[in-house]
Amino acid sequence: MNRWEELTGGVSGEDYAARFAALAGSGRDVHGEARLCAALVPDGARVLDAGCGTGRVMIRLAELGYDCVGVDVDASMLAVARRQAPELPWVQADLASFEPAASGVAAGFDLVVAAGNIFPLLAVGTEAVVVGRLAAALRPGGLMVAGFGLDEAHLPVPPGISLAEYDAYCAAAGLVFVDRFSTWGADPYEGGGYAVSVYRAGGS
């Protein structure tokens, strides 16, 4: 069981969606992740939303014309995503064992996005495996962007992965560092409790 399932019991989809709907209704910008993704890859690029949850990021990217696939382990989250966008491909799978071909999905993505504190909420000890599987889903030169909290102020659980550890996992998976931001609005990272990291797959 991953830390997300321990936290929520796997039944939080409706509550999670309602929280973001309320934020959007209050005028808050809830599309920062999609906007950064769109700035990283050209129109029509193939995007894998790893830990897609209720589909907030992926649905927005699909509206912008991107060719998207979402994968998540939480059935309650995917139920919301499928209801909101039944025409899009949603895959239920644990990222630690996810293989695109086994899920009926072609690899060779231009971008993999992991938003929503995906890495700190993985099962302890699977972080390197997940980085490797997501890296393997990229085409040569494809990008992986992941944003997550680094301290208790930015996480619903105690911190589970440091930037140094994440960087080491990416290097071991053959990914090359590109940039790091403090927000999905691409503000420069100068330390702090939240980071958005961009890596590139080798071979281009």
Protein backbone atom coordinates (compact mmCIF):
# COMPACT_ATOMS: atom_id res chain seq x y z
CA MET A 1 0.00 0.00 0.00
CA ASN A 2 1.33 3.45 -0.87
CA ARG A 3 1.26 6.45 1.44
CA TRP A 4 -1.68 7.98 -0.44
CA GLU A 5 -3.81 4.88 0.19
CA GLU A 6 -2.77 4.88 3.85
CA LEU A 7 -3.80 8.53 4.10
CA THR A 8 -7.15 8.33 2.28
CA GLY A 9 -8.21 4.70 2.24
CA GLY A 10 -8.62 4.98 -1.53
CA VAL A 11 -12.05 6.61 -1.28
CA SER A 12 -11.26 10.32 -1.55
CA GLY A 13 -12.04 10.99 -5.21
CA GLU A 14 -15.25 12.93 -4.74
CA ASP A 15 -13.87 15.03 -1.87
CA TYR A 16 -10.69 15.81 -3.79
CA ALA A 17 -12.63 16.92 -6.86
CA ALA A 18 -14.97 19.04 -4.75
CA ARG A 19 -12.05 20.83 -3.13
CA PHE A 20 -10.59 21.91 -6.45
CA ALA A 21 -14.02 22.80 -7.82
CA ALA A 22 -14.47 25.12 -4.84
CA LEU A 23 -11.06 26.68 -5.44
CA ALA A 24 -11.88 27.27 -9.09
CA GLY A 25 -15.26 28.70 -8.15
CA SER A 26 -13.57 31.19 -5.80
CA GLY A 27 -11.44 32.48 -8.65
CA ARG A 28 -8.26 30.58 -7.82
CA ASP A 29 -6.05 29.51 -10.71
CA VAL A 30 -6.10 25.71 -10.78
CA HIS A 31 -4.36 25.24 -14.14
CA GLY A 32 -0.78 26.19 -13.34
CA GLU A 33 0.50 22.65 -13.89
CA ALA A 34 -1.12 22.38 -17.32
CA ARG A 35 0.17 25.81 -18.30
CA LEU A 36 3.77 24.88 -17.47
CA CYS A 37 3.43 21.58 -19.33
CA ALA A 38 2.13 23.41 -22.38
CA ALA A 39 5.17 25.70 -22.24
CA LEU A 40 7.54 22.73 -22.24
CA VAL A 41 6.32 20.78 -25.26
CA PRO A 42 4.79 21.70 -28.63
CA ASP A 43 1.10 21.60 -29.49
CA GLY A 44 -0.26 18.09 -29.92
CA ALA A 45 2.53 16.40 -27.95
CA ARG A 46 1.90 13.07 -26.21
CA VAL A 47 1.60 13.49 -22.44
CA LEU A 48 1.48 10.87 -19.69
CA ASP A 49 -0.15 12.18 -16.52
CA ALA A 50 1.41 9.94 -13.86
CA GLY A 51 -0.78 9.92 -10.80
CA CYS A 52 -3.53 11.74 -12.68
CA GLY A 53 -6.04 11.62 -9.83
CA THR A 54 -9.39 13.08 -10.85
CA GLY A 55 -7.92 14.34 -14.11
CA ARG A 56 -7.73 18.05 -13.41
CA VAL A 57 -4.37 18.53 -15.17
CA MET A 58 -4.90 16.04 -17.97
CA ILE A 59 -8.37 17.24 -18.91
CA ARG A 60 -7.06 20.77 -19.25
CA LEU A 61 -4.14 19.58 -21.40
CA ALA A 62 -6.54 17.61 -23.60
CA GLU A 63 -8.64 20.76 -24.00
CA LEU A 64 -5.48 22.49 -25.22
CA GLY A 65 -4.99 19.82 -27.87
CA TYR A 66 -2.49 17.47 -26.25
CA ASP A 67 -2.64 13.70 -26.74
CA CYS A 68 -2.96 12.52 -23.14
CA VAL A 69 -3.04 9.30 -21.12
CA GLY A 70 -3.73 9.27 -17.39
CA VAL A 71 -2.65 6.58 -14.94
CA ASP A 72 -3.50 6.30 -11.25
CA VAL A 73 -3.86 3.54 -8.66
CA ASP A 74 -6.86 5.11 -6.88
CA ALA A 75 -10.15 3.81 -8.32
CA SER A 76 -12.18 6.53 -6.59
CA MET A 77 -10.12 9.25 -8.25
CA LEU A 78 -10.32 7.58 -11.66
CA ALA A 79 -14.10 7.23 -11.32
CA VAL A 80 -14.34 11.02 -11.15
CA ALA A 81 -11.94 11.44 -14.06
CA ARG A 82 -13.89 9.00 -16.24
CA ARG A 83 -17.15 10.71 -15.44
CA GLN A 84 -15.75 14.12 -16.31
CA ALA A 85 -13.99 13.03 -19.50
CA PRO A 86 -15.13 9.57 -20.61
CA GLU A 87 -13.56 10.04 -24.02
CA LEU A 88 -10.02 10.18 -22.61
CA PRO A 89 -7.84 7.13 -21.78
CA TRP A 90 -7.64 6.49 -18.04
CA VAL A 91 -5.54 3.56 -16.79
CA GLN A 92 -5.69 2.08 -13.30
CA ALA A 93 -2.22 0.93 -12.32
CA ASP A 94 0.39 1.30 -9.61
CA LEU A 95 3.21 3.47 -10.92
CA ALA A 96 5.73 1.08 -9.36
CA SER A 97 4.59 -1.67 -11.74
CA PHE A 98 3.24 0.42 -14.64
CA GLU A 99 4.22 -0.76 -18.11
CA PRO A 100 2.58 1.16 -20.97
CA ALA A 101 2.41 -1.83 -23.33
CA ALA A 102 0.77 -4.03 -20.70
CA SER A 103 -1.87 -1.33 -20.24
CA GLY A 104 -2.55 -1.05 -23.96
CA VAL A 105 -0.66 2.23 -24.21
CA ALA A 106 2.22 3.00 -26.54
CA ALA A 107 5.36 4.36 -24.90
CA GLY A 108 7.36 7.20 -26.43
CA PHE A 109 5.76 10.11 -24.57
CA ASP A 110 7.00 13.63 -25.19
CA LEU A 111 6.25 14.57 -21.59
CA VAL A 112 5.55 12.80 -18.32
CA VAL A 113 4.01 15.00 -15.65
CA ALA A 114 3.82 14.02 -11.98
CA ALA A 115 1.92 16.72 -10.12
CA GLY A 116 0.12 16.58 -6.78
CA ASN A 117 2.92 15.31 -4.51
CA ILE A 118 3.12 11.99 -6.34
CA PHE A 119 6.63 11.05 -5.21
CA PRO A 120 6.24 11.72 -1.48
CA LEU A 121 3.02 9.68 -1.51
CA LEU A 122 4.46 6.55 -3.11
CA ALA A 123 5.02 3.38 -1.12
CA VAL A 124 8.27 3.80 0.80
CA GLY A 125 11.17 2.28 -1.11
CA THR A 126 9.53 2.41 -4.56
CA GLU A 127 10.61 5.93 -5.52
CA ALA A 128 13.61 4.90 -7.62
CA VAL A 129 11.58 2.20 -9.37
CA VAL A 130 8.85 4.70 -10.28
CA VAL A 131 11.36 7.20 -11.64
CA GLY A 132 12.83 4.43 -13.77
CA ARG A 133 9.45 3.33 -15.12
CA LEU A 134 8.40 6.87 -15.98
CA ALA A 135 11.76 7.57 -17.62
CA ALA A 136 11.31 4.43 -19.71
CA ALA A 137 7.97 5.74 -20.96
CA LEU A 138 9.64 8.80 -22.51
CA ARG A 139 10.85 9.09 -26.08
CA PRO A 140 14.51 10.09 -26.52
CA GLY A 141 14.67 13.76 -25.60
CA GLY A 142 11.30 13.66 -23.86
CA LEU A 143 10.77 15.58 -20.63
CA MET A 144 9.67 14.59 -17.15
CA VAL A 145 8.34 17.33 -14.85
CA ALA A 146 7.51 16.57 -11.23
CA GLY A 147 6.46 18.91 -8.46
CA PHE A 148 6.28 17.91 -4.82
CA GLY A 149 6.62 19.16 -1.27
CA LEU A 150 9.79 18.74 0.71
CA ASP A 151 8.63 19.59 4.22
CA GLU A 152 5.59 19.13 6.44
CA ALA A 153 4.23 22.55 5.53
CA HIS A 154 3.81 21.41 1.93
CA LEU A 155 2.76 17.79 2.49
CA PRO A 156 -0.14 15.87 4.06
CA VAL A 157 2.36 13.27 5.33
CA PRO A 158 5.87 13.46 6.79
CA PRO A 159 8.48 14.16 4.08
CA GLY A 160 9.42 10.99 2.25
CA ILE A 161 11.91 12.06 -0.42
CA SER A 162 14.54 14.79 -0.61
CA LEU A 163 15.63 16.66 -3.71
CA ALA A 164 19.05 15.03 -3.47
CA GLU A 165 17.44 11.59 -3.48
CA TYR A 166 15.14 12.48 -6.36
CA ASP A 167 18.05 13.86 -8.38
CA ALA A 168 20.01 10.67 -7.75
CA TYR A 169 17.10 8.50 -8.89
CA CYS A 170 16.74 10.57 -12.07
CA ALA A 171 20.45 10.33 -12.82
CA ALA A 172 20.36 6.55 -12.31
CA ALA A 173 17.46 6.36 -14.78
CA GLY A 174 19.49 8.18 -17.43
CA LEU A 175 17.68 11.50 -17.12
CA VAL A 176 19.51 14.81 -17.47
CA PHE A 177 18.66 17.83 -15.31
CA VAL A 178 17.10 20.76 -17.20
CA ASP A 179 15.62 23.22 -14.70
CA ARG A 180 14.00 23.62 -11.30
CA PHE A 181 11.26 26.00 -10.14
CA SER A 182 9.65 26.82 -6.81
CA THR A 183 6.12 26.84 -8.27
CA TRP A 184 4.23 25.61 -11.30
CA GLY A 185 4.30 29.26 -12.37
CA ALA A 186 8.02 28.75 -13.11
CA ASP A 187 9.30 30.99 -10.33
CA PRO A 188 13.04 30.36 -9.74
CA TYR A 189 13.93 27.79 -7.10
CA GLU A 190 16.13 29.26 -4.38
CA GLY A 191 15.50 26.68 -1.69
CA GLY A 192 12.27 26.15 0.18
CA GLY A 193 9.68 23.51 0.81
CA TYR A 194 8.35 22.91 -2.70
CA ALA A 195 10.15 22.21 -5.98
CA VAL A 196 9.16 21.54 -9.57
CA SER A 197 11.95 19.69 -11.39
CA VAL A 198 12.37 19.23 -15.13
CA TYR A 199 14.50 16.39 -16.52
CA ARG A 200 15.19 15.25 -20.08
CA ALA A 201 15.61 11.71 -21.38
CA GLY A 202 18.88 11.05 -23.15
CA GLY A 203 19.25 10.02 -26.76
CA SER A 204 18.17 13.17 -28.60
